[in-house]
C-alpha atoms as a PDB file:
ATOM      1  CA  MET A   1       0.000   0.000   0.000  1.00  0.00           C
ATOM      2  CA  SER A   2       1.342   3.419  -0.811  1.00  0.00           C
ATOM      3  CA  PHE A   3       0.689   6.784   0.734  1.00  0.00           C
ATOM      4  CA  LYS A   4       1.666  10.424   0.689  1.00  0.00           C
ATOM      5  CA  MET A   5       2.909  12.462   3.600  1.00  0.00           C
ATOM      6  CA  TYR A   6       2.288  16.180   3.332  1.00  0.00           C
ATOM      7  CA  GLY A   7       4.786  18.081   5.440  1.00  0.00           C
ATOM      8  CA  MET A   8       7.457  20.725   5.814  1.00  0.00           C
ATOM      9  CA  ASN A   9      11.169  20.315   6.408  1.00  0.00           C
ATOM     10  CA  SER A  10      10.974  23.002   9.115  1.00  0.00           C
ATOM     11  CA  CYS A  11       8.239  21.191  11.093  1.00  0.00           C
ATOM     12  CA  ILE A  12       9.524  19.174  14.081  1.00  0.00           C
ATOM     13  CA  ASP A  13       6.531  16.807  13.930  1.00  0.00           C
ATOM     14  CA  CYS A  14       7.278  16.167  10.243  1.00  0.00           C
ATOM     15  CA  ILE A  15      10.969  15.622  10.966  1.00  0.00           C
ATOM     16  CA  ASN A  16      10.113  13.102  13.672  1.00  0.00           C
ATOM     17  CA  ALA A  17       7.556  11.347  11.435  1.00  0.00           C
ATOM     18  CA  LYS A  18      10.077  11.023   8.585  1.00  0.00           C
ATOM     19  CA  LYS A  19      12.654   9.634  11.012  1.00  0.00           C
ATOM     20  CA  LEU A  20      10.215   7.034  12.359  1.00  0.00           C
ATOM     21  CA  LEU A  21       9.082   5.997   8.870  1.00  0.00           C
ATOM     22  CA  LYS A  22      12.726   5.588   7.838  1.00  0.00           C
ATOM     23  CA  GLU A  23      13.474   3.479  10.945  1.00  0.00           C
ATOM     24  CA  LYS A  24      10.497   1.250  10.089  1.00  0.00           C
ATOM     25  CA  ASN A  25      11.688   1.023   6.454  1.00  0.00           C
ATOM     26  CA  ILE A  26       8.342   2.332   5.195  1.00  0.00           C
ATOM     27  CA  ASN A  27       8.209   3.805   1.707  1.00  0.00           C
ATOM     28  CA  TYR A  28       6.050   6.837   1.086  1.00  0.00           C
ATOM     29  CA  GLU A  29       5.872   9.886  -1.131  1.00  0.00           C
ATOM     30  CA  LEU A  30       6.820  13.100   0.637  1.00  0.00           C
ATOM     31  CA  ILE A  31       4.994  16.206  -0.515  1.00  0.00           C
ATOM     32  CA  GLU A  32       7.095  19.083   0.853  1.00  0.00           C
ATOM     33  CA  ILE A  33       4.406  21.764   0.800  1.00  0.00           C
ATOM     34  CA  THR A  34       6.836  24.702   0.882  1.00  0.00           C
ATOM     35  CA  GLU A  35       8.946  23.412  -2.012  1.00  0.00           C
ATOM     36  CA  ASP A  36       6.817  24.816  -4.830  1.00  0.00           C
ATOM     37  CA  THR A  37       3.430  26.368  -5.470  1.00  0.00           C
ATOM     38  CA  THR A  38       2.020  23.183  -7.016  1.00  0.00           C
ATOM     39  CA  SER A  39       2.643  21.223  -3.804  1.00  0.00           C
ATOM     40  CA  MET A  40       1.258  24.056  -1.673  1.00  0.00           C
ATOM     41  CA  LYS A  41      -1.892  24.310  -3.798  1.00  0.00           C
ATOM     42  CA  GLU A  42      -2.390  20.530  -3.641  1.00  0.00           C
ATOM     43  CA  PHE A  43      -2.172  20.631   0.156  1.00  0.00           C
ATOM     44  CA  LEU A  44      -4.343  23.747   0.531  1.00  0.00           C
ATOM     45  CA  LYS A  45      -7.070  22.124  -1.568  1.00  0.00           C
ATOM     46  CA  LEU A  46      -7.153  19.272   0.965  1.00  0.00           C
ATOM     47  CA  ARG A  47      -6.845  21.582   3.986  1.00  0.00           C
ATOM     48  CA  ASP A  48      -9.585  23.929   2.833  1.00  0.00           C
ATOM     49  CA  ASN A  49     -12.098  21.246   1.847  1.00  0.00           C
ATOM     50  CA  LEU A  50     -11.727  18.111   3.987  1.00  0.00           C
ATOM     51  CA  ASN A  51     -13.662  17.595   7.219  1.00  0.00           C
ATOM     52  CA  GLU A  52     -10.482  16.142   8.754  1.00  0.00           C
ATOM     53  CA  PHE A  53      -9.121  19.698   8.860  1.00  0.00           C
ATOM     54  CA  VAL A  54     -12.034  21.379  10.694  1.00  0.00           C
ATOM     55  CA  LYS A  55     -10.161  21.555  14.012  1.00  0.00           C
ATOM     56  CA  VAL A  56      -6.950  22.554  12.235  1.00  0.00           C
ATOM     57  CA  ARG A  57      -8.728  25.473  10.569  1.00  0.00           C
ATOM     58  CA  GLN A  58     -10.402  26.469  13.856  1.00  0.00           C
ATOM     59  CA  ARG A  59      -7.008  26.577  15.597  1.00  0.00           C
ATOM     60  CA  SER A  60      -5.433  28.410  12.627  1.00  0.00           C
ATOM     61  CA  THR A  61      -2.674  25.811  12.433  1.00  0.00           C
ATOM     62  CA  ILE A  62      -1.178  24.201   9.341  1.00  0.00           C
ATOM     63  CA  GLY A  63      -2.114  20.533   9.757  1.00  0.00           C
ATOM     64  CA  VAL A  64       1.087  18.659   8.978  1.00  0.00           C
ATOM     65  CA  PRO A  65       2.193  15.973   8.888  1.00  0.00           C
ATOM     66  CA  PHE A  66      -0.852  14.671   7.062  1.00  0.00           C
ATOM     67  CA  PHE A  67      -0.935  11.148   5.622  1.00  0.00           C
ATOM     68  CA  VAL A  68      -3.138  10.149   2.672  1.00  0.00           C
ATOM     69  CA  PHE A  69      -3.389   6.517   1.556  1.00  0.00           C
ATOM     70  CA  ASP A  70      -4.394   5.219  -1.855  1.00  0.00           C
ATOM     71  CA  ASP A  71      -7.426   3.531  -0.280  1.00  0.00           C
ATOM     72  CA  GLY A  72      -8.745   6.861   1.037  1.00  0.00           C
ATOM     73  CA  LYS A  73      -7.522   6.570   4.628  1.00  0.00           C
ATOM     74  CA  MET A  74      -6.291   9.912   6.021  1.00  0.00           C
ATOM     75  CA  THR A  75      -4.668  10.723   9.341  1.00  0.00           C
ATOM     76  CA  PHE A  76      -2.478  13.224  11.139  1.00  0.00           C
ATOM     77  CA  ASP A  77      -1.012  10.472  13.347  1.00  0.00           C
ATOM     78  CA  VAL A  78       2.207   8.784  12.202  1.00  0.00           C
ATOM     79  CA  ASP A  79       1.590   5.718  14.390  1.00  0.00           C
ATOM     80  CA  GLU A  80      -1.852   5.291  12.859  1.00  0.00           C
ATOM     81  CA  ALA A  81      -0.289   5.686   9.399  1.00  0.00           C
ATOM     82  CA  ILE A  82       2.262   2.978  10.189  1.00  0.00           C
ATOM     83  CA  GLU A  83      -0.421   0.575  11.415  1.00  0.00           C
ATOM     84  CA  HIS A  84      -2.557   1.201   8.349  1.00  0.00           C
ATOM     85  CA  TYR A  85       0.442   0.687   6.085  1.00  0.00           C
ATOM     86  CA  LYS A  86       1.100  -2.734   7.641  1.00  0.00           C
ATOM     87  CA  LYS A  87      -2.425  -4.010   6.877  1.00  0.00           C
END
């Protein structure tokens, strides 16, 4: 199963998630949202439209890391992402 991780290189939670995924030898596609406008727009489309981001928008936070699986599963939690990946 494959998945994307939306994140930022300057985000400590993203840094820690990438480290844990590497330790677990889990392959994923990193979408570095500050790398280019295409990646930022892709993330903002998710952030502005998905119910998963309601609390994020209310707190005026960014909402990364955010994991999106090919089967539609989405989570902010790296441990949950790892468990779903193993299924």
